[in-house]
Protein backbone atom coordinates (compact mmCIF):
# COMPACT_ATOMS: atom_id res chain seq x y z
CA MET A 1 71.06 102.76 94.37
CA SER A 2 73.84 100.22 94.24
CA ASN A 3 74.28 97.59 96.90
CA PRO A 4 77.24 97.95 99.26
CA MET A 5 80.02 95.41 99.00
CA PRO A 6 79.30 92.10 100.73
CA PRO A 7 80.85 91.71 104.16
CA PRO A 8 84.55 90.87 104.04
CA THR A 9 85.53 87.24 104.05
CA TYR A 10 87.50 85.96 106.99
CA VAL A 11 90.27 83.44 107.00
CA LYS A 12 90.23 80.93 109.82
CA THR A 13 93.66 80.15 111.20
CA ARG A 14 94.56 77.88 114.07
CA PHE A 15 94.96 80.98 116.25
CA THR A 16 92.12 83.32 115.36
CA GLU A 17 90.03 84.76 112.57
CA VAL A 18 91.78 87.33 110.40
CA GLY A 19 89.84 90.26 108.95
CA PRO A 20 89.86 91.59 105.40
CA SER A 21 93.11 91.35 103.49
CA LEU A 22 95.20 94.46 102.98
CA ALA A 23 94.58 94.24 99.24
CA GLU A 24 90.91 95.12 99.84
CA PHE A 25 92.01 98.57 101.05
CA LEU A 26 94.51 99.43 98.29
CA LEU A 27 93.97 101.33 95.06
CA PRO A 28 95.97 100.64 91.89
CA ASP A 29 99.29 102.56 91.82
CA ARG A 30 98.01 105.01 89.22
CA LEU A 31 95.30 106.19 91.67
CA LEU A 32 97.48 106.61 94.75
CA LEU A 33 97.60 110.19 95.99
CA LYS A 34 100.87 111.65 94.72
CA VAL A 35 102.45 114.16 97.11
CA ASP A 36 105.06 116.62 95.85
CA THR A 37 107.17 118.39 98.47
CA THR A 38 109.93 119.75 96.23
CA ALA A 39 108.78 123.39 96.43
CA GLY A 40 108.88 123.46 100.24
CA ALA A 41 105.12 122.97 100.61
CA ILE A 42 102.82 120.02 100.19
CA ARG A 43 101.22 119.74 96.74
CA LEU A 44 98.71 116.99 95.94
CA THR A 45 99.33 116.40 92.25
CA ASN A 46 96.50 114.02 91.33
CA TRP A 47 93.83 114.86 93.90
CA PRO A 48 90.81 114.62 91.53
CA ALA A 49 91.62 111.01 90.52
CA TYR A 50 92.45 109.99 94.10
CA GLU A 51 89.33 111.69 95.47
CA CYS A 52 87.10 109.91 92.96
CA ALA A 53 88.74 106.53 93.63
CA VAL A 54 88.49 106.84 97.43
CA ARG A 55 84.88 108.05 97.28
CA THR A 56 84.01 105.13 95.00
CA MET A 57 85.70 102.60 97.28
CA LEU A 58 83.92 104.01 100.35
CA ARG A 59 80.58 104.19 98.51
CA LEU A 60 80.87 100.52 97.55
CA ARG A 61 81.41 99.69 101.22
CA GLY A 62 78.42 101.84 102.24
CA VAL A 63 80.55 104.21 104.37
CA GLU A 64 81.08 107.27 102.14
CA THR A 65 79.10 109.40 104.60
CA HIS A 66 82.10 109.24 106.97
CA LEU A 67 83.81 111.82 104.75
CA SER A 68 81.41 114.44 106.06
CA GLN A 69 79.69 113.03 109.15
CA VAL A 70 80.62 113.36 112.76
CA GLU A 71 80.43 110.59 115.33
CA PRO A 72 76.87 109.74 116.43
CA ARG A 73 75.85 110.54 119.97
CA ASP A 74 73.84 107.35 120.40
CA PRO A 75 76.09 104.92 122.33
CA LYS A 76 74.42 101.98 120.57
CA LYS A 77 75.61 103.26 117.17
CA LYS A 78 79.07 104.44 118.26
CA LYS A 79 80.85 101.08 118.21
CA ALA A 80 79.87 100.22 114.63
CA TRP A 81 80.45 103.82 113.51
CA ASN A 82 83.96 103.88 115.03
CA HIS A 83 84.80 100.57 113.32
CA ASP A 84 83.64 101.94 109.97
CA ASP A 85 85.53 105.19 110.58
CA LYS A 86 88.76 103.23 111.15
CA THR A 87 88.16 101.42 107.87
CA CYS A 88 87.70 104.75 106.07
CA LYS A 89 90.86 106.18 107.61
CA ALA A 90 92.82 103.10 106.55
CA ILE A 91 91.60 103.43 102.95
CA ILE A 92 92.49 107.12 102.85
CA MET A 93 95.91 106.79 104.50
CA LEU A 94 97.13 103.57 102.87
CA ASN A 95 96.62 105.10 99.44
CA VAL A 96 98.99 108.06 99.79
CA SER A 97 102.36 107.64 98.06
CA ASN A 98 104.37 109.88 100.39
CA PHE A 99 102.46 109.08 103.57
CA GLU A 100 104.84 110.62 106.09
CA SER A 101 104.76 114.04 104.42
CA VAL A 102 100.99 114.33 104.91
CA PHE A 103 100.08 112.32 108.00
CA ASP A 104 101.73 113.51 111.16
CA THR A 105 100.78 112.14 114.58
CA GLU A 106 98.13 114.81 115.12
CA ARG A 107 96.35 114.16 111.82
CA MET A 108 96.41 110.38 112.32
CA GLY A 109 94.40 110.78 115.53
CA LYS A 110 91.56 112.62 113.78
CA LYS A 111 88.28 111.23 112.52
CA THR A 112 87.80 110.53 108.81
CA ALA A 113 85.78 113.70 108.12
CA ASP A 114 88.52 115.88 109.64
CA ILE A 115 91.30 114.12 107.71
CA TRP A 116 89.32 114.47 104.47
CA ARG A 117 88.75 118.21 105.07
CA ASP A 118 92.49 118.61 105.73
CA LEU A 119 93.33 116.90 102.43
CA GLU A 120 90.80 119.02 100.54
CA SER A 121 92.32 122.15 102.08
CA LEU A 122 95.83 121.05 101.12
CA TYR A 123 94.70 120.51 97.54
CA GLU A 124 92.86 123.83 97.33
CA ALA A 125 95.84 125.68 98.78
CA SER A 126 98.26 124.02 96.37
CA CYS A 127 96.07 124.93 93.39
CA GLY A 128 95.67 128.55 94.35
CA ASN A 129 91.96 128.04 95.03
CA ALA A 130 92.41 128.81 98.71
CA ALA A 131 91.46 132.19 100.10
CA SER A 132 95.06 132.81 101.07
CA ALA A 133 98.46 131.49 100.10
CA GLU A 134 99.19 131.34 103.83
CA GLN A 135 97.11 128.16 103.93
CA LEU A 136 99.91 126.24 102.21
CA VAL A 137 101.37 123.79 104.64
CA GLU A 138 105.04 124.42 105.16
CA ILE A 139 107.32 121.43 105.59
């Protein structure tokens, strides 16, 4: 089992400490999720590469389980879990090329596992793997 990434480094400024840099959350351009909306529906054109890259990035941070887990009930674990979930959401959302076509206000308020399931469903629907063509998301 590989070790998770070391904790992020913080930069001390005269005002406050600043968290991880934005670059730590971004994938190379070739791995960004490409979204095609030309046919009137959302089509995720490179989902397999994006999925692998995001899973790898989350695994290295030790938070990949957020793609399928729900929030813990234990109040002692909730604060850390919510912080990690926000990190996961940032990694997922910041690496989508046509962000506004996929992430509406409702989806942005969801937990990581729900967002991930939505993206998987969009991909399956756009590939014809969905049970019904009605699952395509109309723009």
